[in-house]
């Protein structure tokens, strides 16, 4: 994703059953950052994670559910608005995810 400040990475996790989403913004997308994202995810979900499916990023592997949510997030944010700062984008994405989770 891009803002006026440059490129950032958005990590998205979605529970396949409840559709609960968790999102984090990062400057880089290396394996150590991804590992920390997964540790953070484990800390916030109120249940034991059984299986992790991922998109086709080199840090991950696999399928479509996250790709679909990535498109949904982009359609609700970047395709509709221009963000001058990463912080502004992060606030809007956080609000969008909270509203989406609450609606589910």
PDB file of N, CA and C in Angstrom:
ATOM      1  N   UNK A   1       0.844  -1.167   0.000  1.00  0.00           N
ATOM      2  CA  UNK A   1       0.000   0.000   0.000  1.00  0.00           C
ATOM      3  C   UNK A   1       0.889   1.230   0.000  1.00  0.00           C
ATOM      4  N   UNK A   2       0.408   2.308  -0.609  1.00  0.00           N
ATOM      5  CA  UNK A   2       1.187   3.551  -0.674  1.00  0.00           C
ATOM      6  C   UNK A   2       0.398   4.713  -0.081  1.00  0.00           C
ATOM      7  N   UNK A   3       1.143   5.590   0.598  1.00  0.00           N
ATOM      8  CA  UNK A   3       0.607   6.867   1.065  1.00  0.00           C
ATOM      9  C   UNK A   3       1.559   7.938   0.575  1.00  0.00           C
ATOM     10  N   UNK A   4       1.332   9.172   0.989  1.00  0.00           N
ATOM     11  CA  UNK A   4       2.246  10.247   0.655  1.00  0.00           C
ATOM     12  C   UNK A   4       3.635  10.034   1.239  1.00  0.00           C
ATOM     13  N   UNK A   5       3.736   9.197   2.259  1.00  0.00           N
ATOM     14  CA  UNK A   5       5.022   8.906   2.897  1.00  0.00           C
ATOM     15  C   UNK A   5       5.765   7.752   2.235  1.00  0.00           C
ATOM     16  N   UNK A   6       5.135   7.053   1.305  1.00  0.00           N
ATOM     17  CA  UNK A   6       5.785   5.929   0.648  1.00  0.00           C
ATOM     18  C   UNK A   6       5.020   4.639   0.834  1.00  0.00           C
ATOM     19  N   UNK A   7       5.724   3.518   0.652  1.00  0.00           N
ATOM     20  CA  UNK A   7       5.103   2.199   0.671  1.00  0.00           C
ATOM     21  C   UNK A   7       5.129   1.590   2.069  1.00  0.00           C
ATOM     22  N   UNK A   8       4.025   0.922   2.432  1.00  0.00           N
ATOM     23  CA  UNK A   8       3.949   0.162   3.679  1.00  0.00           C
ATOM     24  C   UNK A   8       3.324  -1.192   3.378  1.00  0.00           C
ATOM     25  N   UNK A   9       3.502  -2.109   4.303  1.00  0.00           N
ATOM     26  CA  UNK A   9       2.918  -3.438   4.162  1.00  0.00           C
ATOM     27  C   UNK A   9       1.810  -3.599   5.187  1.00  0.00           C
ATOM     28  N   UNK A  10       0.745  -4.250   4.793  1.00  0.00           N
ATOM     29  CA  UNK A  10      -0.376  -4.498   5.678  1.00  0.00           C
ATOM     30  C   UNK A  10      -0.524  -6.003   5.838  1.00  0.00           C
ATOM     31  N   UNK A  11      -0.384  -6.484   7.064  1.00  0.00           N
ATOM     32  CA  UNK A  11      -0.570  -7.910   7.357  1.00  0.00           C
ATOM     33  C   UNK A  11      -1.992  -8.101   7.864  1.00  0.00           C
ATOM     34  N   UNK A  12      -2.682  -9.071   7.303  1.00  0.00           N
ATOM     35  CA  UNK A  12      -4.083  -9.329   7.622  1.00  0.00           C
ATOM     36  C   UNK A  12      -4.248 -10.791   8.014  1.00  0.00           C
ATOM     37  N   UNK A  13      -4.938 -11.023   9.126  1.00  0.00           N
ATOM     38  CA  UNK A  13      -5.295 -12.380   9.541  1.00  0.00           C
ATOM     39  C   UNK A  13      -6.809 -12.439   9.683  1.00  0.00           C
ATOM     40  N   UNK A  14      -7.406 -13.539   9.219  1.00  0.00           N
ATOM     41  CA  UNK A  14      -8.854 -13.699   9.260  1.00  0.00           C
ATOM     42  C   UNK A  14      -9.190 -15.080   9.797  1.00  0.00           C
ATOM     43  N   UNK A  15     -10.067 -15.125  10.784  1.00  0.00           N
ATOM     44  CA  UNK A  15     -10.563 -16.407  11.276  1.00  0.00           C
ATOM     45  C   UNK A  15     -11.594 -16.925  10.276  1.00  0.00           C
ATOM     46  N   UNK A  16     -11.404 -18.126   9.779  1.00  0.00           N
ATOM     47  CA  UNK A  16     -12.269 -18.669   8.736  1.00  0.00           C
ATOM     48  C   UNK A  16     -13.696 -18.909   9.213  1.00  0.00           C
ATOM     49  N   UNK A  17     -13.882 -19.158  10.485  1.00  0.00           N
ATOM     50  CA  UNK A  17     -15.218 -19.448  11.005  1.00  0.00           C
ATOM     51  C   UNK A  17     -15.990 -18.169  11.328  1.00  0.00           C
ATOM     52  N   UNK A  18     -15.406 -17.325  12.175  1.00  0.00           N
ATOM     53  CA  UNK A  18     -16.111 -16.112  12.614  1.00  0.00           C
ATOM     54  C   UNK A  18     -15.903 -14.927  11.681  1.00  0.00           C
ATOM     55  N   UNK A  19     -14.886 -14.990  10.823  1.00  0.00           N
ATOM     56  CA  UNK A  19     -14.478 -13.900   9.928  1.00  0.00           C
ATOM     57  C   UNK A  19     -13.869 -12.725  10.693  1.00  0.00           C
ATOM     58  N   UNK A  20     -13.515 -12.929  11.970  1.00  0.00           N
ATOM     59  CA  UNK A  20     -12.816 -11.908  12.753  1.00  0.00           C
ATOM     60  C   UNK A  20     -11.496 -11.600  12.065  1.00  0.00           C
ATOM     61  N   UNK A  21     -11.164 -10.304  11.930  1.00  0.00           N
ATOM     62  CA  UNK A  21      -9.938  -9.887  11.251  1.00  0.00           C
ATOM     63  C   UNK A  21      -9.005  -9.165  12.198  1.00  0.00           C
ATOM     64  N   UNK A  22      -7.727  -9.322  11.959  1.00  0.00           N
ATOM     65  CA  UNK A  22      -6.679  -8.640  12.703  1.00  0.00           C
ATOM     66  C   UNK A  22      -5.702  -8.075  11.677  1.00  0.00           C
ATOM     67  N   UNK A  23      -5.336  -6.796  11.810  1.00  0.00           N
ATOM     68  CA  UNK A  23      -4.487  -6.133  10.826  1.00  0.00           C
ATOM     69  C   UNK A  23      -3.357  -5.404  11.532  1.00  0.00           C
ATOM     70  N   UNK A  24      -2.157  -5.466  10.953  1.00  0.00           N
ATOM     71  CA  UNK A  24      -1.014  -4.688  11.430  1.00  0.00           C
ATOM     72  C   UNK A  24      -0.312  -4.053  10.231  1.00  0.00           C
ATOM     73  N   UNK A  25       0.191  -2.848  10.443  1.00  0.00           N
ATOM     74  CA  UNK A  25       0.954  -2.125   9.420  1.00  0.00           C
ATOM     75  C   UNK A  25       2.427  -2.253   9.762  1.00  0.00           C
ATOM     76  N   UNK A  26       3.255  -2.514   8.728  1.00  0.00           N
ATOM     77  CA  UNK A  26       4.701  -2.636   8.936  1.00  0.00           C
ATOM     78  C   UNK A  26       5.456  -1.978   7.798  1.00  0.00           C
ATOM     79  N   UNK A  27       6.614  -1.448   8.119  1.00  0.00           N
ATOM     80  CA  UNK A  27       7.474  -0.833   7.107  1.00  0.00           C
ATOM     81  C   UNK A  27       8.126  -1.893   6.222  1.00  0.00           C
ATOM     82  N   UNK A  28       8.424  -3.036   6.797  1.00  0.00           N
ATOM     83  CA  UNK A  28       9.080  -4.132   6.073  1.00  0.00           C
ATOM     84  C   UNK A  28       8.249  -5.404   6.213  1.00  0.00           C
ATOM     85  N   UNK A  29       8.554  -6.377   5.363  1.00  0.00           N
ATOM     86  CA  UNK A  29       7.784  -7.613   5.385  1.00  0.00           C
ATOM     87  C   UNK A  29       8.694  -8.840   5.449  1.00  0.00           C
ATOM     88  N   UNK A  30       9.762  -8.742   6.195  1.00  0.00           N
ATOM     89  CA  UNK A  30      10.677  -9.870   6.320  1.00  0.00           C
ATOM     90  C   UNK A  30      10.139 -10.959   7.227  1.00  0.00           C
ATOM     91  N   UNK A  31      10.847 -12.081   7.250  1.00  0.00           N
ATOM     92  CA  UNK A  31      10.393 -13.228   8.028  1.00  0.00           C
ATOM     93  C   UNK A  31      10.312 -12.936   9.519  1.00  0.00           C
ATOM     94  N   UNK A  32      11.207 -12.138  10.054  1.00  0.00           N
ATOM     95  CA  UNK A  32      11.164 -11.816  11.485  1.00  0.00           C
ATOM     96  C   UNK A  32       9.943 -10.959  11.813  1.00  0.00           C
ATOM     97  N   UNK A  33       9.610 -10.030  10.933  1.00  0.00           N
ATOM     98  CA  UNK A  33       8.423  -9.188  11.129  1.00  0.00           C
ATOM     99  C   UNK A  33       7.166 -10.044  11.071  1.00  0.00           C
ATOM    100  N   UNK A  34       7.125 -10.959  10.101  1.00  0.00           N
ATOM    101  CA  UNK A  34       5.983 -11.867   9.968  1.00  0.00           C
ATOM    102  C   UNK A  34       5.840 -12.745  11.209  1.00  0.00           C
ATOM    103  N   UNK A  35       6.971 -13.246  11.708  1.00  0.00           N
ATOM    104  CA  UNK A  35       6.931 -14.082  12.914  1.00  0.00           C
ATOM    105  C   UNK A  35       6.362 -13.297  14.095  1.00  0.00           C
ATOM    106  N   UNK A  36       6.758 -12.028  14.226  1.00  0.00           N
ATOM    107  CA  UNK A  36       6.229 -11.205  15.319  1.00  0.00           C
ATOM    108  C   UNK A  36       4.738 -10.949  15.131  1.00  0.00           C
ATOM    109  N   UNK A  37       4.302 -10.725  13.888  1.00  0.00           N
ATOM    110  CA  UNK A  37       2.878 -10.559  13.608  1.00  0.00           C
ATOM    111  C   UNK A  37       2.095 -11.792  14.069  1.00  0.00           C
ATOM    112  N   UNK A  38       2.612 -12.972  13.782  1.00  0.00           N
ATOM    113  CA  UNK A  38       1.927 -14.195  14.209  1.00  0.00           C
ATOM    114  C   UNK A  38       1.909 -14.329  15.729  1.00  0.00           C
ATOM    115  N   UNK A  39       2.996 -13.942  16.398  1.00  0.00           N
ATOM    116  CA  UNK A  39       2.994 -13.961  17.869  1.00  0.00           C
ATOM    117  C   UNK A  39       1.970 -12.977  18.414  1.00  0.00           C
ATOM    118  N   UNK A  40       1.887 -11.796  17.806  1.00  0.00           N
ATOM    119  CA  UNK A  40       0.892 -10.801  18.230  1.00  0.00           C
ATOM    120  C   UNK A  40      -0.525 -11.327  18.009  1.00  0.00           C
ATOM    121  N   UNK A  41      -0.739 -12.000  16.891  1.00  0.00           N
ATOM    122  CA  UNK A  41      -2.047 -12.581  16.603  1.00  0.00           C
ATOM    123  C   UNK A  41      -2.426 -13.614  17.652  1.00  0.00           C
ATOM    124  N   UNK A  42      -1.503 -14.495  17.980  1.00  0.00           N
ATOM    125  CA  UNK A  42      -1.755 -15.517  19.001  1.00  0.00           C
ATOM    126  C   UNK A  42      -2.138 -14.870  20.324  1.00  0.00           C
ATOM    127  N   UNK A  43      -1.531 -13.723  20.626  1.00  0.00           N
ATOM    128  CA  UNK A  43      -1.808 -13.040  21.891  1.00  0.00           C
ATOM    129  C   UNK A  43      -3.200 -12.404  21.937  1.00  0.00           C
ATOM    130  N   UNK A  44      -3.769 -12.024  20.781  1.00  0.00           N
ATOM    131  CA  UNK A  44      -5.051 -11.302  20.812  1.00  0.00           C
ATOM    132  C   UNK A  44      -6.275 -12.177  20.590  1.00  0.00           C
ATOM    133  N   UNK A  45      -6.114 -13.332  19.952  1.00  0.00           N
ATOM    134  CA  UNK A  45      -7.302 -14.156  19.732  1.00  0.00           C
ATOM    135  C   UNK A  45      -7.625 -14.944  20.994  1.00  0.00           C
ATOM    136  N   UNK A  46      -8.908 -15.100  21.313  1.00  0.00           N
ATOM    137  CA  UNK A  46      -9.298 -15.745  22.573  1.00  0.00           C
ATOM    138  C   UNK A  46      -9.398 -17.270  22.486  1.00  0.00           C
ATOM    139  N   UNK A  47      -8.750 -17.870  21.507  1.00  0.00           N
ATOM    140  CA  UNK A  47      -8.807 -19.315  21.321  1.00  0.00           C
ATOM    141  C   UNK A  47      -7.478 -19.790  20.759  1.00  0.00           C
ATOM    142  N   UNK A  48      -7.276 -21.078  20.767  1.00  0.00           N
ATOM    143  CA  UNK A  48      -6.051 -21.665  20.240  1.00  0.00           C
ATOM    144  C   UNK A  48      -6.135 -21.722  18.710  1.00  0.00           C
ATOM    145  N   UNK A  49      -5.091 -21.258  18.052  1.00  0.00           N
ATOM    146  CA  UNK A  49      -5.030 -21.300  16.591  1.00  0.00           C
ATOM    147  C   UNK A  49      -4.602 -22.698  16.172  1.00  0.00           C
ATOM    148  N   UNK A  50      -5.372 -23.294  15.286  1.00  0.00           N
ATOM    149  CA  UNK A  50      -5.101 -24.661  14.836  1.00  0.00           C
ATOM    150  C   UNK A  50      -4.267 -24.676  13.557  1.00  0.00           C
ATOM    151  N   UNK A  51      -4.667 -23.885  12.573  1.00  0.00           N
ATOM    152  CA  UNK A  51      -4.023 -23.886  11.266  1.00  0.00           C
ATOM    153  C   UNK A  51      -3.901 -22.455  10.765  1.00  0.00           C
ATOM    154  N   UNK A  52      -2.792 -22.153  10.105  1.00  0.00           N
ATOM    155  CA  UNK A  52      -2.594 -20.840   9.501  1.00  0.00           C
ATOM    156  C   UNK A  52      -2.496 -21.021   7.992  1.00  0.00           C
ATOM    157  N   UNK A  53      -3.397 -20.372   7.252  1.00  0.00           N
ATOM    158  CA  UNK A  53      -3.332 -20.322   5.794  1.00  0.00           C
ATOM    159  C   UNK A  53      -2.843 -18.928   5.428  1.00  0.00           C
ATOM    160  N   UNK A  54      -2.050 -18.828   4.381  1.00  0.00           N
ATOM    161  CA  UNK A  54      -1.473 -17.532   4.028  1.00  0.00           C
ATOM    162  C   UNK A  54      -1.655 -17.238   2.551  1.00  0.00           C
ATOM    163  N   UNK A  55      -1.317 -15.983   2.165  1.00  0.00           N
ATOM    164  CA  UNK A  55      -1.340 -15.632   0.744  1.00  0.00           C
ATOM    165  C   UNK A  55      -0.042 -16.114   0.092  1.00  0.00           C
ATOM    166  N   UNK A  56       0.268 -15.614  -1.070  1.00  0.00           N
ATOM    167  CA  UNK A  56       1.421 -16.105  -1.819  1.00  0.00           C
ATOM    168  C   UNK A  56       2.687 -15.281  -1.606  1.00  0.00           C
ATOM    169  N   UNK A  57       2.724 -14.458  -0.557  1.00  0.00           N
ATOM    170  CA  UNK A  57       3.934 -13.710  -0.275  1.00  0.00           C
ATOM    171  C   UNK A  57       5.091 -14.649   0.033  1.00  0.00           C
ATOM    172  N   UNK A  58       6.310 -14.180  -0.207  1.00  0.00           N
ATOM    173  CA  UNK A  58       7.457 -15.053   0.022  1.00  0.00           C
ATOM    174  C   UNK A  58       7.634 -15.398   1.496  1.00  0.00           C
ATOM    175  N   UNK A  59       7.042 -14.594   2.389  1.00  0.00           N
ATOM    176  CA  UNK A  59       7.100 -14.886   3.816  1.00  0.00           C
ATOM    177  C   UNK A  59       6.116 -15.971   4.191  1.00  0.00           C
ATOM    178  N   UNK A  60       5.129 -16.173   3.338  1.00  0.00           N
ATOM    179  CA  UNK A  60       4.041 -17.111   3.573  1.00  0.00           C
ATOM    180  C   UNK A  60       3.924 -18.048   2.386  1.00  0.00           C
ATOM    181  N   UNK A  61       2.874 -18.794   2.356  1.00  0.00           N
ATOM    182  CA  UNK A  61       2.461 -19.561   1.174  1.00  0.00           C
ATOM    183  C   UNK A  61       0.954 -19.711   1.232  1.00  0.00           C
ATOM    184  N   UNK A  62       0.307 -20.009   0.112  1.00  0.00           N
ATOM    185  CA  UNK A  62      -1.065 -20.487   0.030  1.00  0.00           C
ATOM    186  C   UNK A  62      -2.143 -19.488  -0.333  1.00  0.00           C
ATOM    187  N   UNK A  63      -3.322 -19.565  -0.052  1.00  0.00           N
ATOM    188  CA  UNK A  63      -4.584 -19.379  -0.723  1.00  0.00           C
ATOM    189  C   UNK A  63      -5.338 -18.057  -0.684  1.00  0.00           C
ATOM    190  N   UNK A  64      -6.665 -18.178  -0.877  1.00  0.00           N
ATOM    191  CA  UNK A  64      -7.494 -17.074  -1.352  1.00  0.00           C
ATOM    192  C   UNK A  64      -8.188 -16.228  -0.294  1.00  0.00           C
ATOM    193  N   UNK A  65      -8.454 -16.700   0.900  1.00  0.00           N
ATOM    194  CA  UNK A  65      -9.285 -15.926   1.833  1.00  0.00           C
ATOM    195  C   UNK A  65      -8.633 -14.601   2.193  1.00  0.00           C
ATOM    196  N   UNK A  66      -7.324 -14.612   2.465  1.00  0.00           N
ATOM    197  CA  UNK A  66      -6.637 -13.369   2.796  1.00  0.00           C
ATOM    198  C   UNK A  66      -6.585 -12.449   1.588  1.00  0.00           C
ATOM    199  N   UNK A  67      -6.372 -12.997   0.395  1.00  0.00           N
ATOM    200  CA  UNK A  67      -6.362 -12.170  -0.812  1.00  0.00           C
ATOM    201  C   UNK A  67      -7.695 -11.454  -1.004  1.00  0.00           C
ATOM    202  N   UNK A  68      -8.786 -12.139  -0.726  1.00  0.00           N
ATOM    203  CA  UNK A  68     -10.109 -11.531  -0.842  1.00  0.00           C
ATOM    204  C   UNK A  68     -10.255 -10.379   0.157  1.00  0.00           C
ATOM    205  N   UNK A  69      -9.790 -10.588   1.402  1.00  0.00           N
ATOM    206  CA  UNK A  69      -9.865  -9.528   2.411  1.00  0.00           C
ATOM    207  C   UNK A  69      -8.939  -8.374   2.051  1.00  0.00           C
ATOM    208  N   UNK A  70      -7.769  -8.665   1.504  1.00  0.00           N
ATOM    209  CA  UNK A  70      -6.867  -7.600   1.055  1.00  0.00           C
ATOM    210  C   UNK A  70      -7.558  -6.725   0.017  1.00  0.00           C
ATOM    211  N   UNK A  71      -8.255  -7.340  -0.938  1.00  0.00           N
ATOM    212  CA  UNK A  71      -8.992  -6.564  -1.943  1.00  0.00           C
ATOM    213  C   UNK A  71     -10.088  -5.721  -1.299  1.00  0.00           C
ATOM    214  N   UNK A  72     -10.781  -6.295  -0.312  1.00  0.00           N
ATOM    215  CA  UNK A  72     -11.840  -5.566   0.382  1.00  0.00           C
ATOM    216  C   UNK A  72     -11.269  -4.347   1.108  1.00  0.00           C
ATOM    217  N   UNK A  73     -10.149  -4.524   1.801  1.00  0.00           N
ATOM    218  CA  UNK A  73      -9.520  -3.418   2.519  1.00  0.00           C
ATOM    219  C   UNK A  73      -9.066  -2.343   1.538  1.00  0.00           C
ATOM    220  N   UNK A  74      -8.424  -2.738   0.453  1.00  0.00           N
ATOM    221  CA  UNK A  74      -7.974  -1.757  -0.541  1.00  0.00           C
ATOM    222  C   UNK A  74      -9.145  -1.004  -1.159  1.00  0.00           C
ATOM    223  N   UNK A  75     -10.235  -1.723  -1.448  1.00  0.00           N
ATOM    224  CA  UNK A  75     -11.410  -1.080  -2.041  1.00  0.00           C
ATOM    225  C   UNK A  75     -12.021  -0.051  -1.098  1.00  0.00           C
ATOM    226  N   UNK A  76     -11.978  -0.315   0.202  1.00  0.00           N
ATOM    227  CA  UNK A  76     -12.569   0.589   1.193  1.00  0.00           C
ATOM    228  C   UNK A  76     -11.635   1.731   1.570  1.00  0.00           C
ATOM    229  N   UNK A  77     -10.365   1.621   1.229  1.00  0.00           N
ATOM    230  CA  UNK A  77      -9.395   2.633   1.661  1.00  0.00           C
ATOM    231  C   UNK A  77      -8.663   3.247   0.474  1.00  0.00           C
ATOM    232  N   UNK A  78      -7.634   2.590  -0.011  1.00  0.00           N
ATOM    233  CA  UNK A  78      -6.751   3.161  -1.025  1.00  0.00           C
ATOM    234  C   UNK A  78      -7.429   3.505  -2.335  1.00  0.00           C
ATOM    235  N   UNK A  79      -8.434   2.749  -2.716  1.00  0.00           N
ATOM    236  CA  UNK A  79      -9.100   3.026  -3.990  1.00  0.00           C
ATOM    237  C   UNK A  79     -10.094   4.178  -3.876  1.00  0.00           C
ATOM    238  N   UNK A  80     -10.388   4.590  -2.648  1.00  0.00           N
ATOM    239  CA  UNK A  80     -11.341   5.687  -2.433  1.00  0.00           C
ATOM    240  C   UNK A  80     -10.692   6.965  -1.921  1.00  0.00           C
ATOM    241  N   UNK A  81      -9.541   6.847  -1.237  1.00  0.00           N
ATOM    242  CA  UNK A  81      -8.936   7.995  -0.574  1.00  0.00           C
ATOM    243  C   UNK A  81      -7.440   8.031  -0.837  1.00  0.00           C
ATOM    244  N   UNK A  82      -6.871   9.229  -0.726  1.00  0.00           N
ATOM    245  CA  UNK A  82      -5.415   9.392  -0.745  1.00  0.00           C
ATOM    246  C   UNK A  82      -4.988   9.722   0.678  1.00  0.00           C
ATOM    247  N   UNK A  83      -3.974   9.053   1.161  1.00  0.00           N
ATOM    248  CA  UNK A  83      -3.488   9.259   2.522  1.00  0.00           C
ATOM    249  C   UNK A  83      -2.123   9.927   2.470  1.00  0.00           C
ATOM    250  N   UNK A  84      -1.989  11.029   3.168  1.00  0.00           N
ATOM    251  CA  UNK A  84      -0.714  11.728   3.220  1.00  0.00           C
ATOM    252  C   UNK A  84       0.287  11.004   4.105  1.00  0.00           C
ATOM    253  N   UNK A  85      -0.215  10.312   5.129  1.00  0.00           N
ATOM    254  CA  UNK A  85       0.688   9.662   6.080  1.00  0.00           C
ATOM    255  C   UNK A  85       0.282   8.207   6.307  1.00  0.00           C
ATOM    256  N   UNK A  86       1.252   7.410   6.718  1.00  0.00           N
ATOM    257  CA  UNK A  86       0.969   6.024   7.088  1.00  0.00           C
ATOM    258  C   UNK A  86       0.004   5.985   8.270  1.00  0.00           C
ATOM    259  N   UNK A  87       0.178   6.918   9.184  1.00  0.00           N
ATOM    260  CA  UNK A  87      -0.669   6.978  10.372  1.00  0.00           C
ATOM    261  C   UNK A  87      -2.141   7.180  10.007  1.00  0.00           C
ATOM    262  N   UNK A  88      -2.397   8.060   9.044  1.00  0.00           N
ATOM    263  CA  UNK A  88      -3.764   8.320   8.609  1.00  0.00           C
ATOM    264  C   UNK A  88      -4.368   7.053   7.986  1.00  0.00           C
ATOM    265  N   UNK A  89      -3.599   6.372   7.138  1.00  0.00           N
ATOM    266  CA  UNK A  89      -4.063   5.115   6.556  1.00  0.00           C
ATOM    267  C   UNK A  89      -4.316   4.082   7.642  1.00  0.00           C
ATOM    268  N   UNK A  90      -3.389   3.957   8.583  1.00  0.00           N
ATOM    269  CA  UNK A  90      -3.539   2.965   9.649  1.00  0.00           C
ATOM    270  C   UNK A  90      -4.799   3.223  10.470  1.00  0.00           C
ATOM    271  N   UNK A  91      -5.085   4.484  10.781  1.00  0.00           N
ATOM    272  CA  UNK A  91      -6.287   4.826  11.532  1.00  0.00           C
ATOM    273  C   UNK A  91      -7.538   4.421  10.762  1.00  0.00           C
ATOM    274  N   UNK A  92      -7.568   4.719   9.467  1.00  0.00           N
ATOM    275  CA  UNK A  92      -8.737   4.386   8.657  1.00  0.00           C
ATOM    276  C   UNK A  92      -8.897   2.870   8.539  1.00  0.00           C
ATOM    277  N   UNK A  93      -7.802   2.137   8.306  1.00  0.00           N
ATOM    278  CA  UNK A  93      -7.881   0.679   8.199  1.00  0.00           C
ATOM    279  C   UNK A  93      -8.328   0.072   9.526  1.00  0.00           C
ATOM    280  N   UNK A  94      -7.786   0.573  10.635  1.00  0.00           N
ATOM    281  CA  UNK A  94      -8.177   0.072  11.958  1.00  0.00           C
ATOM    282  C   UNK A  94      -9.672   0.284  12.193  1.00  0.00           C
ATOM    283  N   UNK A  95     -10.172   1.464  11.846  1.00  0.00           N
ATOM    284  CA  UNK A  95     -11.599   1.749  11.992  1.00  0.00           C
ATOM    285  C   UNK A  95     -12.440   0.839  11.090  1.00  0.00           C
ATOM    286  N   UNK A  96     -11.980   0.631   9.858  1.00  0.00           N
ATOM    287  CA  UNK A  96     -12.700  -0.236   8.928  1.00  0.00           C
ATOM    288  C   UNK A  96     -12.769  -1.667   9.456  1.00  0.00           C
ATOM    289  N   UNK A  97     -11.635  -2.195   9.927  1.00  0.00           N
ATOM    290  CA  UNK A  97     -11.588  -3.563  10.439  1.00  0.00           C
ATOM    291  C   UNK A  97     -12.471  -3.701  11.685  1.00  0.00           C
ATOM    292  N   UNK A  98     -12.432  -2.704  12.566  1.00  0.00           N
ATOM    293  CA  UNK A  98     -13.275  -2.752  13.773  1.00  0.00           C
ATOM    294  C   UNK A  98     -14.753  -2.783  13.385  1.00  0.00           C
ATOM    295  N   UNK A  99     -15.150  -1.948  12.430  1.00  0.00           N
ATOM    296  CA  UNK A  99     -16.543  -1.928  11.988  1.00  0.00           C
ATOM    297  C   UNK A  99     -16.916  -3.244  11.310  1.00  0.00           C
ATOM    298  N   UNK A 100     -16.013  -3.787  10.495  1.00  0.00           N
ATOM    299  CA  UNK A 100     -16.272  -5.048   9.813  1.00  0.00           C
ATOM    300  C   UNK A 100     -16.404  -6.194  10.822  1.00  0.00           C
ATOM    301  N   UNK A 101     -15.503  -6.228  11.804  1.00  0.00           N
ATOM    302  CA  UNK A 101     -15.577  -7.272  12.841  1.00  0.00           C
ATOM    303  C   UNK A 101     -16.858  -7.138  13.661  1.00  0.00           C
ATOM    304  N   UNK A 102     -17.233  -5.906  13.977  1.00  0.00           N
ATOM    305  CA  UNK A 102     -18.440  -5.671  14.772  1.00  0.00           C
ATOM    306  C   UNK A 102     -19.686  -6.100  13.987  1.00  0.00           C
ATOM    307  N   UNK A 103     -19.689  -5.871  12.676  1.00  0.00           N
ATOM    308  CA  UNK A 103     -20.830  -6.238  11.853  1.00  0.00           C
ATOM    309  C   UNK A 103     -20.992  -7.748  11.764  1.00  0.00           C
ATOM    310  N   UNK A 104     -19.902  -8.485  11.899  1.00  0.00           N
ATOM    311  CA  UNK A 104     -19.972  -9.949  11.809  1.00  0.00           C
ATOM    312  C   UNK A 104     -20.431 -10.511  13.118  1.00  0.00           C
TER     313      UNK A 104
END
